[in-house]
Amino acid sequence: MPTGEMDERGIFTEDLVNLILKGSIIEDYPDTKPCPSALISGSTGGRHCHAVVELCENHLRIVTVYWPVDEKWTNQMTKRKS
C-alpha cells in the first residue's frame, strides 16, 4: 500500500509495525497467490486496526491496512458478521 493511502487513513508506519508485532492473526489464507497471507487484528492509538500481509520466502509484504468498521465486525473487530 503506498504511503499516501496510509496517510489518508491516518495510519502511520509506527502503527503498522506495532500492529504486526503485537496483533493477532484472526484469519489465515494459506492458499492465496503468490504467497500465503493472513489478516492481523490489533489496537493502535486506542483504535482497532487490521492489516492483510503476505509471508513470502524471506520477506513480509503489506497488502493493505485499514480501520475496521462496526457494521462488518464483532467481538472487538476480530470476527466478521455473517
C-alpha atoms as a PDB file:
ATOM      1  CA  MET A   1       0.000   0.000   0.000  1.00  0.00           C
ATOM      2  CA  PRO A   2       1.527   3.326  -0.947  1.00  0.00           C
ATOM      3  CA  THR A   3       2.341   5.603   1.972  1.00  0.00           C
ATOM      4  CA  GLY A   4      -0.140   8.177   0.646  1.00  0.00           C
ATOM      5  CA  GLU A   5      -3.062   5.818   1.268  1.00  0.00           C
ATOM      6  CA  MET A   6      -1.876   5.087   4.795  1.00  0.00           C
ATOM      7  CA  ASP A   7      -1.534   8.827   5.401  1.00  0.00           C
ATOM      8  CA  GLU A   8      -5.058   9.403   4.066  1.00  0.00           C
ATOM      9  CA  ARG A   9      -6.356   6.802   6.536  1.00  0.00           C
ATOM     10  CA  GLY A  10      -4.352   8.284   9.398  1.00  0.00           C
ATOM     11  CA  ILE A  11      -2.295   5.125   9.824  1.00  0.00           C
ATOM     12  CA  PHE A  12       1.411   5.642  10.301  1.00  0.00           C
ATOM     13  CA  THR A  13       4.367   3.312   9.872  1.00  0.00           C
ATOM     14  CA  GLU A  14       4.780   3.042  13.652  1.00  0.00           C
ATOM     15  CA  ASP A  15       1.100   1.990  13.937  1.00  0.00           C
ATOM     16  CA  LEU A  16       1.612  -0.704  11.312  1.00  0.00           C
ATOM     17  CA  VAL A  17       4.786  -2.063  12.923  1.00  0.00           C
ATOM     18  CA  ASN A  18       3.092  -2.236  16.346  1.00  0.00           C
ATOM     19  CA  LEU A  19       0.053  -3.936  14.813  1.00  0.00           C
ATOM     20  CA  ILE A  20       2.178  -6.637  13.193  1.00  0.00           C
ATOM     21  CA  LEU A  21       4.330  -7.203  16.282  1.00  0.00           C
ATOM     22  CA  LYS A  22       1.565  -7.128  18.907  1.00  0.00           C
ATOM     23  CA  GLY A  23      -1.580  -8.069  16.978  1.00  0.00           C
ATOM     24  CA  SER A  24      -3.166 -11.470  16.416  1.00  0.00           C
ATOM     25  CA  ILE A  25      -3.879 -13.403  13.256  1.00  0.00           C
ATOM     26  CA  ILE A  26      -7.664 -13.613  13.009  1.00  0.00           C
ATOM     27  CA  GLU A  27      -7.976 -15.086   9.521  1.00  0.00           C
ATOM     28  CA  ASP A  28      -5.476 -17.270   7.685  1.00  0.00           C
ATOM     29  CA  TYR A  29      -5.387 -17.520   3.891  1.00  0.00           C
ATOM     30  CA  PRO A  30      -2.864 -20.305   3.157  1.00  0.00           C
ATOM     31  CA  ASP A  31      -3.888 -20.729  -0.495  1.00  0.00           C
ATOM     32  CA  THR A  32      -3.534 -17.132  -1.693  1.00  0.00           C
ATOM     33  CA  LYS A  33      -1.112 -16.424  -4.515  1.00  0.00           C
ATOM     34  CA  PRO A  34       1.663 -15.541  -4.921  1.00  0.00           C
ATOM     35  CA  CYS A  35       2.209 -16.138  -1.175  1.00  0.00           C
ATOM     36  CA  PRO A  36       0.144 -17.307   1.817  1.00  0.00           C
ATOM     37  CA  SER A  37      -1.459 -14.372   3.628  1.00  0.00           C
ATOM     38  CA  ALA A  38      -3.213 -13.531   6.864  1.00  0.00           C
ATOM     39  CA  LEU A  39      -5.421 -10.866   8.410  1.00  0.00           C
ATOM     40  CA  ILE A  40      -3.917  -9.379  11.562  1.00  0.00           C
ATOM     41  CA  SER A  41      -6.038  -7.513  14.096  1.00  0.00           C
ATOM     42  CA  GLY A  42      -4.766  -5.324  16.883  1.00  0.00           C
ATOM     43  CA  SER A  43      -5.039  -1.979  18.557  1.00  0.00           C
ATOM     44  CA  THR A  44      -3.039   1.121  17.850  1.00  0.00           C
ATOM     45  CA  GLY A  45      -3.642   4.615  19.097  1.00  0.00           C
ATOM     46  CA  GLY A  46      -6.623   3.331  21.068  1.00  0.00           C
ATOM     47  CA  ARG A  47      -8.369   2.066  17.911  1.00  0.00           C
ATOM     48  CA  HIS A  48      -8.737  -1.356  16.371  1.00  0.00           C
ATOM     49  CA  CYS A  49      -6.747  -1.798  13.179  1.00  0.00           C
ATOM     50  CA  HIS A  50      -6.439  -4.557  10.559  1.00  0.00           C
ATOM     51  CA  ALA A  51      -3.636  -5.438   8.179  1.00  0.00           C
ATOM     52  CA  VAL A  52      -3.511  -8.073   5.455  1.00  0.00           C
ATOM     53  CA  VAL A  53       0.030  -9.363   4.994  1.00  0.00           C
ATOM     54  CA  GLU A  54       1.674 -11.924   2.722  1.00  0.00           C
ATOM     55  CA  LEU A  55       4.541 -14.034   4.025  1.00  0.00           C
ATOM     56  CA  CYS A  56       6.807 -14.758   1.099  1.00  0.00           C
ATOM     57  CA  GLU A  57      10.027 -16.768   1.206  1.00  0.00           C
ATOM     58  CA  ASN A  58      12.157 -14.232   3.017  1.00  0.00           C
ATOM     59  CA  HIS A  59      10.037 -11.128   3.441  1.00  0.00           C
ATOM     60  CA  LEU A  60       6.695  -9.800   4.590  1.00  0.00           C
ATOM     61  CA  ARG A  61       4.551  -7.883   2.118  1.00  0.00           C
ATOM     62  CA  ILE A  62       1.844  -5.487   3.307  1.00  0.00           C
ATOM     63  CA  VAL A  63      -1.269  -5.877   1.145  1.00  0.00           C
ATOM     64  CA  THR A  64      -3.476  -3.349   2.947  1.00  0.00           C
ATOM     65  CA  VAL A  65      -4.031  -1.764   6.333  1.00  0.00           C
ATOM     66  CA  TYR A  66      -7.285  -0.159   7.473  1.00  0.00           C
ATOM     67  CA  TRP A  67      -9.560   0.804  10.357  1.00  0.00           C
ATOM     68  CA  PRO A  68     -12.360  -1.818  10.513  1.00  0.00           C
ATOM     69  CA  VAL A  69     -15.954  -0.611  10.817  1.00  0.00           C
ATOM     70  CA  ASP A  70     -18.535  -1.797  13.345  1.00  0.00           C
ATOM     71  CA  GLU A  71     -21.029  -2.734  10.620  1.00  0.00           C
ATOM     72  CA  LYS A  72     -18.789  -5.567   9.383  1.00  0.00           C
ATOM     73  CA  TRP A  73     -17.119  -6.888  12.564  1.00  0.00           C
ATOM     74  CA  THR A  74     -17.978  -8.210  16.036  1.00  0.00           C
ATOM     75  CA  ASN A  75     -16.017  -9.427  19.063  1.00  0.00           C
ATOM     76  CA  GLN A  76     -13.761  -6.354  19.241  1.00  0.00           C
ATOM     77  CA  MET A  77     -13.284  -6.349  15.457  1.00  0.00           C
ATOM     78  CA  THR A  78     -11.963  -9.912  15.319  1.00  0.00           C
ATOM     79  CA  LYS A  79     -14.914 -11.780  13.787  1.00  0.00           C
ATOM     80  CA  ARG A  80     -16.780 -10.967  10.585  1.00  0.00           C
ATOM     81  CA  LYS A  81     -20.527 -10.500  10.852  1.00  0.00           C
ATOM     82  CA  SER A  82     -22.477 -13.084   8.864  1.00  0.00           C
END
